[in-house]
Amino acid sequence: MALDIFLYGNVLSAEMARAATTSDAFNAVAEPRRRDILVFLADRERPVSEIVAALEVEQPSVSKHLRVLRQVGLVRMRREGRRKLYQTNAAAIRPLHEWAGEFERFWRHTLRRVKERAEAKEAEADGNEDDATS
């Protein structure tokens, strides 16, 4: 059985089908370079040449990533003469943001509990020190 090992240590068997990167926004942003492009395009429209220069990625690779991001609706393209200008489609990113927000709430709650336990242990330790010095 052949294994396919990804950058982050995820392992899939050869028999397991993978979803196409263009099937939805979640699959599209699984690629780190595409996330970099989305962040770079978030504040304003930019031509491919600026993306290539800023991210130091070959133009064919950037074009491929932009095609995927456009197919799932995460990036918009507008023509200005012969140039194509790209920008992140914030409305399409909303489902990703909302989904990630669930984990943010989980971690906020978990970290609050860890902080409370640490403070309780510190207070307990301070109380024991006071008893020892009395």
C-alpha atoms as a PDB file:
ATOM      1  CA  MET A   1       0.000   0.000   0.000  1.00  0.00           C
ATOM      2  CA  ALA A   2       1.440   3.368  -1.048  1.00  0.00           C
ATOM      3  CA  LEU A   3       1.260   6.365   1.268  1.00  0.00           C
ATOM      4  CA  ASP A   4       0.919  10.012   0.341  1.00  0.00           C
ATOM      5  CA  ILE A   5       2.582  12.207   2.984  1.00  0.00           C
ATOM      6  CA  PHE A   6       1.735  15.912   3.043  1.00  0.00           C
ATOM      7  CA  LEU A   7       3.694  18.866   4.403  1.00  0.00           C
ATOM      8  CA  TYR A   8       1.964  18.880   7.779  1.00  0.00           C
ATOM      9  CA  GLY A   9       2.310  15.162   8.420  1.00  0.00           C
ATOM     10  CA  ASN A  10      -1.138  14.140   7.240  1.00  0.00           C
ATOM     11  CA  VAL A  11      -1.089  10.658   5.809  1.00  0.00           C
ATOM     12  CA  LEU A  12      -3.637   9.242   3.385  1.00  0.00           C
ATOM     13  CA  SER A  13      -3.709   5.785   1.945  1.00  0.00           C
ATOM     14  CA  ALA A  14      -3.585   5.481  -1.827  1.00  0.00           C
ATOM     15  CA  GLU A  15      -7.134   4.104  -1.849  1.00  0.00           C
ATOM     16  CA  MET A  16      -8.591   7.156  -0.092  1.00  0.00           C
ATOM     17  CA  ALA A  17      -9.978   9.712  -2.526  1.00  0.00           C
ATOM     18  CA  ARG A  18      -9.081  13.360  -2.008  1.00  0.00           C
ATOM     19  CA  ALA A  19     -11.473  16.184  -2.776  1.00  0.00           C
ATOM     20  CA  ALA A  20     -10.482  18.438  -5.648  1.00  0.00           C
ATOM     21  CA  THR A  21      -8.933  21.727  -4.557  1.00  0.00           C
ATOM     22  CA  THR A  22     -11.657  23.469  -6.531  1.00  0.00           C
ATOM     23  CA  SER A  23     -14.505  21.623  -4.814  1.00  0.00           C
ATOM     24  CA  ASP A  24     -14.881  24.249  -2.065  1.00  0.00           C
ATOM     25  CA  ALA A  25     -13.131  27.097  -0.268  1.00  0.00           C
ATOM     26  CA  PHE A  26     -11.838  24.846   2.515  1.00  0.00           C
ATOM     27  CA  ASN A  27      -9.961  22.618   0.078  1.00  0.00           C
ATOM     28  CA  ALA A  28      -8.641  25.639  -1.794  1.00  0.00           C
ATOM     29  CA  VAL A  29      -7.117  27.237   1.315  1.00  0.00           C
ATOM     30  CA  ALA A  30      -5.531  23.968   2.409  1.00  0.00           C
ATOM     31  CA  GLU A  31      -2.531  25.025   0.307  1.00  0.00           C
ATOM     32  CA  PRO A  32      -0.356  27.488   2.315  1.00  0.00           C
ATOM     33  CA  ARG A  33       0.676  29.474  -0.767  1.00  0.00           C
ATOM     34  CA  ARG A  34      -2.984  30.178  -1.561  1.00  0.00           C
ATOM     35  CA  ARG A  35      -3.479  31.512   1.954  1.00  0.00           C
ATOM     36  CA  ASP A  36      -0.469  33.790   1.410  1.00  0.00           C
ATOM     37  CA  ILE A  37      -2.035  35.076  -1.809  1.00  0.00           C
ATOM     38  CA  LEU A  38      -5.371  35.740  -0.081  1.00  0.00           C
ATOM     39  CA  VAL A  39      -3.668  37.749   2.648  1.00  0.00           C
ATOM     40  CA  PHE A  40      -1.623  39.712   0.099  1.00  0.00           C
ATOM     41  CA  LEU A  41      -4.735  40.561  -1.923  1.00  0.00           C
ATOM     42  CA  ALA A  42      -6.885  41.455   1.092  1.00  0.00           C
ATOM     43  CA  ASP A  43      -6.230  45.195   1.209  1.00  0.00           C
ATOM     44  CA  ARG A  44      -6.382  46.114  -2.495  1.00  0.00           C
ATOM     45  CA  GLU A  45      -6.410  44.926  -6.089  1.00  0.00           C
ATOM     46  CA  ARG A  46      -3.099  43.808  -7.509  1.00  0.00           C
ATOM     47  CA  PRO A  47      -1.803  42.473 -10.821  1.00  0.00           C
ATOM     48  CA  VAL A  48      -0.115  39.066 -11.024  1.00  0.00           C
ATOM     49  CA  SER A  49       3.301  40.714 -11.366  1.00  0.00           C
ATOM     50  CA  GLU A  50       2.993  42.277  -7.890  1.00  0.00           C
ATOM     51  CA  ILE A  51       1.969  38.961  -6.369  1.00  0.00           C
ATOM     52  CA  VAL A  52       4.928  37.229  -8.026  1.00  0.00           C
ATOM     53  CA  ALA A  53       7.374  39.869  -6.786  1.00  0.00           C
ATOM     54  CA  ALA A  54       6.024  40.098  -3.250  1.00  0.00           C
ATOM     55  CA  LEU A  55       5.685  36.367  -2.606  1.00  0.00           C
ATOM     56  CA  GLU A  56       8.741  35.366  -4.657  1.00  0.00           C
ATOM     57  CA  VAL A  57       6.838  32.654  -6.515  1.00  0.00           C
ATOM     58  CA  GLU A  58       7.049  31.858 -10.220  1.00  0.00           C
ATOM     59  CA  GLN A  59       4.332  33.431 -12.369  1.00  0.00           C
ATOM     60  CA  PRO A  60       2.865  30.125 -13.649  1.00  0.00           C
ATOM     61  CA  SER A  61       2.448  28.939 -10.066  1.00  0.00           C
ATOM     62  CA  VAL A  62       0.739  32.172  -8.996  1.00  0.00           C
ATOM     63  CA  SER A  63      -1.587  31.979 -12.005  1.00  0.00           C
ATOM     64  CA  LYS A  64      -2.507  28.391 -11.135  1.00  0.00           C
ATOM     65  CA  HIS A  65      -3.275  29.326  -7.519  1.00  0.00           C
ATOM     66  CA  LEU A  66      -5.314  32.340  -8.614  1.00  0.00           C
ATOM     67  CA  ARG A  67      -7.339  30.135 -10.971  1.00  0.00           C
ATOM     68  CA  VAL A  68      -8.211  27.800  -8.089  1.00  0.00           C
ATOM     69  CA  LEU A  69      -9.078  30.701  -5.776  1.00  0.00           C
ATOM     70  CA  ARG A  70     -11.290  32.250  -8.468  1.00  0.00           C
ATOM     71  CA  GLN A  71     -13.076  28.955  -9.150  1.00  0.00           C
ATOM     72  CA  VAL A  72     -14.166  28.693  -5.519  1.00  0.00           C
ATOM     73  CA  GLY A  73     -15.027  32.401  -5.368  1.00  0.00           C
ATOM     74  CA  LEU A  74     -12.354  33.523  -2.889  1.00  0.00           C
ATOM     75  CA  VAL A  75     -10.719  35.918  -5.370  1.00  0.00           C
ATOM     76  CA  ARG A  76     -12.258  38.340  -7.846  1.00  0.00           C
ATOM     77  CA  MET A  77     -10.625  39.393 -11.102  1.00  0.00           C
ATOM     78  CA  ARG A  78     -11.225  42.666 -12.937  1.00  0.00           C
ATOM     79  CA  ARG A  79      -9.781  43.700 -16.283  1.00  0.00           C
ATOM     80  CA  GLU A  80      -8.220  47.106 -16.682  1.00  0.00           C
ATOM     81  CA  GLY A  81      -7.118  47.358 -20.275  1.00  0.00           C
ATOM     82  CA  ARG A  82      -4.838  44.381 -20.837  1.00  0.00           C
ATOM     83  CA  ARG A  83      -4.096  43.920 -17.134  1.00  0.00           C
ATOM     84  CA  LYS A  84      -5.969  41.604 -14.837  1.00  0.00           C
ATOM     85  CA  LEU A  85      -6.349  42.834 -11.273  1.00  0.00           C
ATOM     86  CA  TYR A  86      -7.097  40.427  -8.440  1.00  0.00           C
ATOM     87  CA  GLN A  87      -8.524  40.989  -4.980  1.00  0.00           C
ATOM     88  CA  THR A  88      -9.722  38.806  -2.123  1.00  0.00           C
ATOM     89  CA  ASN A  89     -13.502  38.380  -2.024  1.00  0.00           C
ATOM     90  CA  ALA A  90     -14.174  39.058   1.656  1.00  0.00           C
ATOM     91  CA  ALA A  91     -17.802  37.878   1.497  1.00  0.00           C
ATOM     92  CA  ALA A  92     -16.717  34.442   0.262  1.00  0.00           C
ATOM     93  CA  ILE A  93     -14.195  34.144   3.110  1.00  0.00           C
ATOM     94  CA  ARG A  94     -16.911  34.641   5.736  1.00  0.00           C
ATOM     95  CA  PRO A  95     -17.770  30.898   6.035  1.00  0.00           C
ATOM     96  CA  LEU A  96     -14.082  30.153   6.635  1.00  0.00           C
ATOM     97  CA  HIS A  97     -13.907  32.868   9.277  1.00  0.00           C
ATOM     98  CA  GLU A  98     -17.059  31.644  11.019  1.00  0.00           C
ATOM     99  CA  TRP A  99     -15.821  28.052  11.035  1.00  0.00           C
ATOM    100  CA  ALA A 100     -12.422  29.063  12.441  1.00  0.00           C
ATOM    101  CA  GLY A 101     -14.248  31.189  15.010  1.00  0.00           C
ATOM    102  CA  GLU A 102     -15.649  28.018  16.569  1.00  0.00           C
ATOM    103  CA  PHE A 103     -12.111  26.951  17.414  1.00  0.00           C
ATOM    104  CA  GLU A 104     -11.236  30.413  18.677  1.00  0.00           C
ATOM    105  CA  ARG A 105     -14.098  30.190  21.181  1.00  0.00           C
ATOM    106  CA  PHE A 106     -12.947  26.705  22.219  1.00  0.00           C
ATOM    107  CA  TRP A 107      -9.371  27.850  22.824  1.00  0.00           C
ATOM    108  CA  ARG A 108     -10.453  31.019  24.630  1.00  0.00           C
ATOM    109  CA  HIS A 109     -12.573  28.904  26.992  1.00  0.00           C
ATOM    110  CA  THR A 110      -9.788  26.316  27.445  1.00  0.00           C
ATOM    111  CA  LEU A 111      -7.122  28.946  28.117  1.00  0.00           C
ATOM    112  CA  ARG A 112      -9.401  30.724  30.596  1.00  0.00           C
ATOM    113  CA  ARG A 113      -9.769  27.434  32.529  1.00  0.00           C
ATOM    114  CA  VAL A 114      -5.979  26.882  32.474  1.00  0.00           C
ATOM    115  CA  LYS A 115      -5.442  30.427  33.779  1.00  0.00           C
ATOM    116  CA  GLU A 116      -7.991  29.922  36.560  1.00  0.00           C
ATOM    117  CA  ARG A 117      -6.319  26.670  37.634  1.00  0.00           C
ATOM    118  CA  ALA A 118      -2.861  28.253  37.591  1.00  0.00           C
ATOM    119  CA  GLU A 119      -4.083  31.200  39.660  1.00  0.00           C
ATOM    120  CA  ALA A 120      -5.767  28.837  42.131  1.00  0.00           C
ATOM    121  CA  LYS A 121      -2.554  26.810  42.500  1.00  0.00           C
ATOM    122  CA  GLU A 122      -0.538  30.008  42.943  1.00  0.00           C
ATOM    123  CA  ALA A 123      -2.948  31.242  45.609  1.00  0.00           C
ATOM    124  CA  GLU A 124      -2.766  27.838  47.317  1.00  0.00           C
ATOM    125  CA  ALA A 125       1.036  27.913  47.210  1.00  0.00           C
ATOM    126  CA  ASP A 126       1.063  31.453  48.619  1.00  0.00           C
ATOM    127  CA  GLY A 127      -1.253  30.315  51.412  1.00  0.00           C
ATOM    128  CA  ASN A 128       1.067  27.399  52.236  1.00  0.00           C
ATOM    129  CA  GLU A 129       4.091  29.732  52.364  1.00  0.00           C
ATOM    130  CA  ASP A 130       2.255  32.043  54.771  1.00  0.00           C
ATOM    131  CA  ASP A 131       1.473  29.038  57.014  1.00  0.00           C
ATOM    132  CA  ALA A 132       5.118  27.921  56.962  1.00  0.00           C
ATOM    133  CA  THR A 133       6.474  31.356  57.956  1.00  0.00           C
ATOM    134  CA  SER A 134       3.963  31.832  60.802  1.00  0.00           C
END
